Amino acid sequence: MESESDRADSRIFLGGLRLVTISKNEAQGSDEENVYNADLPNSKAP
């Protein structure tokens, strides 16, 4: 079983990955990737 801190670490890690992915996609300016990001929570609307 996961401990409470393990779950918190996972959420923080995934949140960081999401931010990095969105930043890279915005830098590339890919419409397809921006549409994908629009479905993710906490992402900026296009």
Protein backbone atom coordinates (compact mmCIF):
# COMPACT_ATOMS: atom_id res chain seq x y z
CA MET A 1 0.00 0.00 0.00
CA GLU A 2 1.15 3.54 -0.73
CA SER A 3 1.71 5.87 2.18
CA GLU A 4 0.10 9.31 2.25
CA SER A 5 3.44 10.97 1.47
CA ASP A 6 4.02 8.66 -1.51
CA ARG A 7 0.70 9.75 -3.01
CA ALA A 8 1.50 13.41 -2.41
CA ASP A 9 4.90 12.98 -4.09
CA SER A 10 3.22 11.35 -7.09
CA ARG A 11 0.75 14.23 -7.46
CA ILE A 12 3.53 16.82 -7.24
CA PHE A 13 5.64 14.90 -9.76
CA LEU A 14 2.79 14.52 -12.25
CA GLY A 15 1.81 18.18 -11.82
CA GLY A 16 5.38 19.20 -12.62
CA LEU A 17 5.45 16.96 -15.69
CA ARG A 18 2.20 18.50 -16.92
CA LEU A 19 3.57 22.03 -16.57
CA VAL A 20 6.78 21.10 -18.41
CA THR A 21 4.79 19.43 -21.20
CA ILE A 22 2.50 22.44 -21.64
CA SER A 23 5.48 24.82 -21.69
CA LYS A 24 7.24 22.76 -24.38
CA ASN A 25 4.09 22.53 -26.48
CA GLU A 26 3.46 26.27 -26.28
CA ALA A 27 7.04 26.94 -27.32
CA GLN A 28 6.60 24.65 -30.34
CA GLY A 29 3.23 26.21 -31.19
CA SER A 30 1.72 22.91 -32.30
CA ASP A 31 -2.06 23.14 -32.70
CA GLU A 32 -2.50 19.40 -32.24
CA GLU A 33 -0.59 19.35 -28.95
CA ASN A 34 -2.40 22.47 -27.72
CA VAL A 35 -5.75 20.78 -28.34
CA TYR A 36 -4.54 17.82 -26.26
CA ASN A 37 -3.46 20.13 -23.44
CA ALA A 38 -6.87 21.82 -23.44
CA ASP A 39 -8.30 18.55 -22.10
CA LEU A 40 -5.90 18.48 -19.15
CA PRO A 41 -6.85 20.05 -15.83
CA ASN A 42 -5.01 23.26 -14.90
CA SER A 43 -4.11 23.97 -18.54
CA LYS A 44 -4.62 27.34 -20.17
CA ALA A 45 -7.45 27.53 -22.67
CA PRO A 46 -6.27 28.20 -26.24
